[in-house]
């Protein structure tokens, strides 16, 4: 939803800036040179403004996209190996390709990709770890019963 709002506002801002260049009041002249239209400095300023807006838009979209592939939570032992419950959406993911330094009972932040879950499957969705961003130390709560400490 936020991505659509960002794209729509960038399109509106760009069209507003570009449409402002095409229309000027009738009889608008520069008394020094006799030319009609924006000066060279105004054209350069508009170009710089449009470029800056596009760069800001791209950076925002990239950062929003990157944040969707990060999971932070407490590591537990599950039926299919190491799992983590994401603090933001409270979903539990089975970790694939997790570094050997990760221990059950630690709070970690990992970056990677969510694997597609098979339809009708009751198992947790897999999360393929590309890199571990940070280890925050032990969980505040003890790990689930039955998991080694």
Protein backbone atom coordinates (compact mmCIF):
# COMPACT_ATOMS: atom_id res chain seq x y z
CA UNK A 1 0.00 0.00 0.00
CA UNK A 2 2.78 2.46 0.93
CA UNK A 3 4.59 1.62 -2.30
CA UNK A 4 1.53 2.60 -4.36
CA UNK A 5 1.18 5.88 -2.48
CA UNK A 6 4.88 6.64 -3.05
CA UNK A 7 4.66 5.89 -6.77
CA UNK A 8 1.48 7.95 -7.15
CA UNK A 9 2.99 10.95 -5.34
CA UNK A 10 6.17 10.78 -7.42
CA UNK A 11 4.10 10.69 -10.63
CA UNK A 12 2.00 13.65 -9.46
CA UNK A 13 5.08 15.67 -8.46
CA UNK A 14 6.84 14.93 -11.74
CA UNK A 15 3.82 15.86 -13.86
CA UNK A 16 3.33 19.05 -11.83
CA UNK A 17 6.94 20.10 -12.40
CA UNK A 18 6.91 19.19 -16.08
CA UNK A 19 3.57 20.89 -16.80
CA UNK A 20 4.78 24.11 -15.19
CA UNK A 21 7.49 24.40 -17.88
CA UNK A 22 5.08 24.28 -20.81
CA UNK A 23 2.65 27.06 -19.89
CA UNK A 24 3.53 30.70 -19.49
CA UNK A 25 1.28 33.77 -19.49
CA UNK A 26 0.72 35.50 -22.83
CA UNK A 27 2.85 38.56 -23.39
CA UNK A 28 5.48 37.49 -20.93
CA UNK A 29 8.78 38.80 -22.22
CA UNK A 30 12.19 39.48 -20.81
CA UNK A 31 12.84 43.19 -21.37
CA UNK A 32 16.62 42.67 -21.56
CA UNK A 33 16.84 40.15 -24.39
CA UNK A 34 13.42 40.11 -26.01
CA UNK A 35 13.14 36.35 -25.48
CA UNK A 36 9.96 34.59 -24.41
CA UNK A 37 10.03 31.69 -21.92
CA UNK A 38 12.15 30.61 -19.03
CA UNK A 39 15.74 31.69 -18.74
CA UNK A 40 18.63 29.25 -18.98
CA UNK A 41 19.03 29.30 -15.20
CA UNK A 42 15.37 28.41 -14.68
CA UNK A 43 15.64 25.47 -17.07
CA UNK A 44 18.75 24.19 -15.26
CA UNK A 45 16.99 24.63 -11.89
CA UNK A 46 13.98 22.66 -13.07
CA UNK A 47 16.22 19.91 -14.42
CA UNK A 48 18.10 19.67 -11.12
CA UNK A 49 14.81 19.59 -9.19
CA UNK A 50 13.34 16.81 -11.34
CA UNK A 51 16.55 14.78 -11.09
CA UNK A 52 16.61 15.18 -7.30
CA UNK A 53 12.96 14.08 -7.06
CA UNK A 54 13.62 10.96 -9.14
CA UNK A 55 16.70 10.05 -7.09
CA UNK A 56 14.80 10.48 -3.81
CA UNK A 57 11.94 8.36 -5.18
CA UNK A 58 14.26 5.54 -6.23
CA UNK A 59 16.09 5.54 -2.89
CA UNK A 60 12.80 5.41 -0.96
CA UNK A 61 11.50 2.53 -3.09
CA UNK A 62 14.72 0.55 -2.68
CA UNK A 63 14.75 1.02 1.09
CA UNK A 64 11.08 0.02 1.40
CA UNK A 65 11.74 -3.06 -0.71
CA UNK A 66 14.82 -4.05 1.30
CA UNK A 67 13.03 -3.78 4.63
CA UNK A 68 10.50 -6.44 3.63
CA UNK A 69 13.23 -9.08 3.52
CA UNK A 70 14.48 -8.69 7.07
CA UNK A 71 13.33 -10.77 10.01
CA UNK A 72 14.12 -10.07 13.67
CA UNK A 73 13.11 -12.44 16.43
CA UNK A 74 13.97 -15.10 18.97
CA UNK A 75 15.50 -18.34 17.66
CA UNK A 76 13.80 -21.57 18.74
CA UNK A 77 14.12 -25.24 17.87
CA UNK A 78 11.25 -26.52 15.75
CA UNK A 79 10.22 -29.82 14.17
CA UNK A 80 12.10 -28.95 10.94
CA UNK A 81 15.17 -27.32 12.51
CA UNK A 82 15.89 -23.78 13.64
CA UNK A 83 12.96 -21.35 13.56
CA UNK A 84 12.45 -17.67 14.33
CA UNK A 85 9.26 -15.77 15.12
CA UNK A 86 9.27 -12.39 13.40
CA UNK A 87 8.63 -9.60 15.91
CA UNK A 88 6.80 -7.42 13.37
CA UNK A 89 4.23 -9.83 11.89
CA UNK A 90 4.36 -12.61 14.57
CA UNK A 91 4.78 -15.30 11.88
CA UNK A 92 7.16 -18.20 12.51
CA UNK A 93 9.70 -19.00 9.77
CA UNK A 94 11.94 -22.05 9.36
CA UNK A 95 15.46 -20.75 8.69
CA UNK A 96 17.39 -22.18 5.74
CA UNK A 97 21.13 -21.52 5.39
CA UNK A 98 21.53 -20.05 8.85
CA UNK A 99 25.13 -19.42 10.03
CA UNK A 100 26.62 -21.89 12.51
CA UNK A 101 27.10 -19.09 15.06
CA UNK A 102 23.31 -18.80 15.60
CA UNK A 103 22.19 -20.48 18.84
CA UNK A 104 18.72 -21.36 20.07
CA UNK A 105 17.59 -18.69 22.54
CA UNK A 106 19.28 -15.74 20.79
CA UNK A 107 17.55 -12.73 19.26
CA UNK A 108 18.81 -12.23 15.71
CA UNK A 109 18.15 -10.09 12.65
CA UNK A 110 18.63 -11.85 9.31
CA UNK A 111 18.35 -10.63 5.73
CA UNK A 112 17.20 -12.95 2.95
CA UNK A 113 14.14 -14.06 1.03
CA UNK A 114 10.86 -15.71 1.92
CA UNK A 115 10.32 -18.97 0.07
CA UNK A 116 6.85 -19.71 -1.32
CA UNK A 117 4.74 -21.88 0.96
CA UNK A 118 3.02 -24.85 -0.65
CA UNK A 119 -0.77 -24.64 -0.72
CA UNK A 120 -2.42 -26.59 2.05
CA UNK A 121 0.85 -27.03 3.93
CA UNK A 122 0.66 -26.62 7.69
CA UNK A 123 4.44 -26.22 8.04
CA UNK A 124 6.03 -22.84 8.67
CA UNK A 125 7.15 -20.76 5.71
CA UNK A 126 10.86 -21.09 4.91
CA UNK A 127 13.15 -18.07 5.05
CA UNK A 128 16.40 -18.42 3.09
CA UNK A 129 19.09 -16.49 4.98
CA UNK A 130 21.48 -14.45 2.82
CA UNK A 131 23.31 -12.82 5.74
CA UNK A 132 22.93 -12.32 9.45
CA UNK A 133 22.66 -8.62 10.17
CA UNK A 134 22.97 -8.68 13.93
CA UNK A 135 22.90 -10.90 17.03
CA UNK A 136 21.19 -9.12 19.94
CA UNK A 137 22.10 -11.75 22.56
CA UNK A 138 19.77 -13.98 24.57
CA UNK A 139 15.97 -13.76 24.34
CA UNK A 140 14.12 -12.01 27.13
CA UNK A 141 11.81 -15.02 27.48
CA UNK A 142 13.06 -18.58 27.77
CA UNK A 143 12.89 -20.74 24.62
CA UNK A 144 9.91 -22.98 23.99
CA UNK A 145 9.58 -26.06 26.23
CA UNK A 146 11.42 -29.08 24.89
CA UNK A 147 14.11 -27.05 23.10
CA UNK A 148 17.71 -27.29 24.32
CA UNK A 149 19.08 -24.29 26.22
